[in-house]
Amino acid sequence: MRTLPHGLLTLLLFAAAACGTAAKAASGTVAIPGVCSYRMPAGWTVLNLPGAVYPAAVEGPDTAGPGHLKAMITVNTDTAPLPLPEWCSQSVARNKVQFAALHAQVGELERFATAANVPGFRANVDLTAHGRPIHYVMYFFAGSGDSKIAVTCACAASDADHYAPLFEAAMETFVPN
């Protein structure tokens, strides 16, 4: 399945802070059958956002209403038949082009491994959308077969120091299915 470019979809959802149907994950785990699972930060909610293929983990004072998301973790997939490092490099290059008008600062790819030693990569992205400085940490993993999984963690740039350890802890629990 090919979805919208992972960074672009998250940008649209986060900048608009879209509303959706909230469903609390009793275990604190976001489980997407056939794709992945991870533990979301304590107190967060699982939300089905309009236009998103998979549910997102979100924090916000009013997750059922528009405009109040503080941070979110979204998942997208791609079935490009490329090795993970090449796919990640192409994804980062594509994001640099897509976000050029937003003065995006896209960091270099870094190797990342979960607590269970699932290998992956991550990159930081900072940009301004609709007058709001936004910080992203993008994580990339191999899924089953040719599938690739992009996890985008987003928050206001001014809150990046607060959310960085929460994003990291969530991604350390990441398991592809």
Protein backbone atom coordinates (compact mmCIF):
# COMPACT_ATOMS: atom_id res chain seq x y z
CA MET A 1 0.00 0.00 0.00
CA ARG A 2 1.30 3.44 -0.85
CA THR A 3 0.09 6.26 1.35
CA LEU A 4 0.62 10.00 1.33
CA PRO A 5 4.22 10.95 2.00
CA HIS A 6 4.58 10.38 5.76
CA GLY A 7 5.86 13.85 6.59
CA LEU A 8 3.29 15.60 4.41
CA LEU A 9 0.31 13.79 5.94
CA THR A 10 1.51 14.47 9.47
CA LEU A 11 2.17 18.12 8.64
CA LEU A 12 -1.37 18.50 7.34
CA LEU A 13 -2.88 16.75 10.35
CA PHE A 14 -0.75 18.47 12.97
CA ALA A 15 -0.88 21.97 11.52
CA ALA A 16 -4.64 21.73 11.20
CA ALA A 17 -4.94 19.88 14.54
CA ALA A 18 -7.82 17.93 13.07
CA CYS A 19 -10.47 16.33 15.21
CA GLY A 20 -11.61 12.70 15.14
CA THR A 21 -13.04 9.90 17.22
CA ALA A 22 -11.11 9.22 20.40
CA ALA A 23 -10.59 5.70 21.74
CA LYS A 24 -8.38 5.18 24.80
CA ALA A 25 -6.04 2.21 24.52
CA ALA A 26 -6.56 0.38 27.80
CA SER A 27 -3.05 -1.06 27.82
CA GLY A 28 -1.36 2.14 26.67
CA THR A 29 -0.27 0.30 23.54
CA VAL A 30 -1.05 1.40 20.02
CA ALA A 31 -1.47 -1.80 18.00
CA ILE A 32 -1.92 -1.64 14.24
CA PRO A 33 -2.59 -5.20 13.04
CA GLY A 34 -0.15 -6.34 10.36
CA VAL A 35 1.96 -3.18 10.74
CA CYS A 36 3.36 -2.47 14.22
CA SER A 37 2.78 -1.78 17.88
CA TYR A 38 4.34 0.58 20.44
CA ARG A 39 3.60 1.94 23.91
CA MET A 40 2.39 5.50 23.81
CA PRO A 41 3.38 7.98 26.53
CA ALA A 42 1.33 7.81 29.72
CA GLY A 43 -1.88 9.84 29.58
CA TRP A 44 -2.01 9.97 25.78
CA THR A 45 -5.03 8.91 23.73
CA VAL A 46 -5.46 6.94 20.52
CA LEU A 47 -7.29 9.02 17.95
CA ASN A 48 -8.55 8.21 14.45
CA LEU A 49 -7.72 11.37 12.52
CA PRO A 50 -9.55 12.25 9.28
CA GLY A 51 -7.46 11.30 6.26
CA ALA A 52 -5.05 9.13 8.25
CA VAL A 53 -4.78 5.44 7.39
CA TYR A 54 -3.81 4.36 10.91
CA PRO A 55 -4.75 5.62 14.39
CA ALA A 56 -2.45 8.18 16.01
CA ALA A 57 -1.30 8.56 19.60
CA VAL A 58 -1.99 12.14 20.69
CA GLU A 59 -1.71 14.43 23.67
CA GLY A 60 -3.98 17.40 23.95
CA PRO A 61 -6.29 19.06 26.43
CA ASP A 62 -9.30 18.31 24.22
CA THR A 63 -8.47 15.45 21.86
CA ALA A 64 -12.06 15.28 20.65
CA GLY A 65 -12.12 18.90 19.50
CA PRO A 66 -10.27 20.86 16.85
CA GLY A 67 -7.08 22.77 17.40
CA HIS A 68 -5.83 21.44 20.70
CA LEU A 69 -3.25 18.75 20.01
CA LYS A 70 0.03 19.26 21.84
CA ALA A 71 1.89 16.32 20.28
CA MET A 72 1.22 13.27 18.16
CA ILE A 73 2.73 10.06 16.85
CA THR A 74 1.53 8.87 13.44
CA VAL A 75 2.35 5.80 11.35
CA ASN A 76 2.50 5.43 7.58
CA THR A 77 3.60 2.56 5.37
CA ASP A 78 5.10 2.13 1.94
CA THR A 79 5.80 -0.96 -0.15
CA ALA A 80 8.78 0.30 -2.13
CA PRO A 81 11.05 -2.67 -2.94
CA LEU A 82 14.18 -0.90 -1.68
CA PRO A 83 16.57 -1.76 1.14
CA LEU A 84 15.69 0.23 4.27
CA PRO A 85 18.75 2.56 4.19
CA GLU A 86 18.09 3.55 0.56
CA TRP A 87 14.35 4.04 1.21
CA CYS A 88 15.14 6.24 4.26
CA SER A 89 17.59 8.36 2.27
CA GLN A 90 14.99 8.86 -0.48
CA SER A 91 12.32 9.73 2.11
CA VAL A 92 14.53 12.35 3.76
CA ALA A 93 15.48 13.83 0.36
CA ARG A 94 11.79 13.93 -0.64
CA ASN A 95 10.90 15.72 2.61
CA LYS A 96 13.61 18.34 2.00
CA VAL A 97 12.01 19.12 -1.38
CA GLN A 98 8.38 18.98 -0.13
CA PHE A 99 9.07 21.22 2.85
CA ALA A 100 11.45 23.69 1.13
CA ALA A 101 8.79 26.43 1.08
CA LEU A 102 8.39 25.95 4.85
CA HIS A 103 12.13 26.55 5.41
CA ALA A 104 12.56 23.00 6.67
CA GLN A 105 15.76 22.05 8.39
CA VAL A 106 16.05 18.29 7.85
CA GLY A 107 18.70 16.55 9.92
CA GLU A 108 20.89 13.68 8.83
CA LEU A 109 19.75 10.08 9.14
CA GLU A 110 21.00 8.40 12.30
CA ARG A 111 20.91 4.70 13.09
CA PHE A 112 18.40 3.75 15.78
CA ALA A 113 17.57 0.47 17.50
CA THR A 114 14.61 -0.36 19.72
CA ALA A 115 14.98 -2.00 23.14
CA ALA A 116 14.36 -5.33 21.34
CA ASN A 117 17.16 -4.51 18.86
CA VAL A 118 14.85 -3.78 15.93
CA PRO A 119 17.09 -1.71 13.64
CA GLY A 120 15.91 1.51 12.10
CA PHE A 121 16.82 5.10 11.40
CA ARG A 122 15.70 8.52 12.62
CA ALA A 123 15.95 12.11 11.45
CA ASN A 124 14.88 15.43 12.97
CA VAL A 125 12.90 17.99 10.97
CA ASP A 126 12.10 21.56 12.02
CA LEU A 127 9.85 23.83 9.96
CA THR A 128 7.18 26.50 10.23
CA ALA A 129 3.65 25.78 9.02
CA HIS A 130 0.74 28.21 9.29
CA GLY A 131 3.01 30.43 11.42
CA ARG A 132 3.69 27.61 13.90
CA PRO A 133 7.25 26.29 14.38
CA ILE A 134 6.94 22.48 14.42
CA HIS A 135 9.47 19.82 15.39
CA TYR A 136 9.37 16.28 14.03
CA VAL A 137 11.36 13.19 14.80
CA MET A 138 10.91 10.69 12.00
CA TYR A 139 11.66 7.02 12.64
CA PHE A 140 11.98 4.46 9.85
CA PHE A 141 11.73 0.67 10.13
CA ALA A 142 11.44 -2.34 7.85
CA GLY A 143 8.11 -4.17 8.05
CA SER A 144 7.15 -7.54 6.63
CA GLY A 145 8.06 -8.30 3.01
CA ASP A 146 8.93 -5.10 1.15
CA SER A 147 6.93 -2.86 3.49
CA LYS A 148 8.58 0.07 5.19
CA ILE A 149 7.17 1.86 8.23
CA ALA A 150 7.58 5.58 8.88
CA VAL A 151 6.67 6.84 12.34
CA THR A 152 6.44 10.60 12.68
CA CYS A 153 6.52 12.18 16.14
CA ALA A 154 5.44 15.83 16.09
CA CYS A 155 5.17 18.69 18.57
CA ALA A 156 5.56 22.45 18.72
CA ALA A 157 9.23 23.34 18.29
CA SER A 158 9.17 25.17 21.64
CA ASP A 159 8.21 21.86 23.33
CA ALA A 160 10.82 19.67 21.58
CA ASP A 161 13.01 19.26 24.69
CA HIS A 162 9.99 18.05 26.69
CA TYR A 163 8.71 15.62 24.06
CA ALA A 164 12.02 14.22 22.73
CA PRO A 165 12.44 11.72 25.60
CA LEU A 166 8.75 10.72 25.36
CA PHE A 167 9.07 10.07 21.62
CA GLU A 168 12.30 8.14 22.18
CA ALA A 169 10.76 5.99 24.92
CA ALA A 170 7.74 5.18 22.72
CA MET A 171 9.95 4.22 19.79
CA GLU A 172 12.15 2.04 22.00
CA THR A 173 9.05 -0.17 22.44
CA PHE A 174 8.31 -0.27 18.69
CA VAL A 175 7.75 -3.74 17.21
CA PRO A 176 6.91 -4.33 13.52
CA ASN A 177 4.27 -7.01 12.91
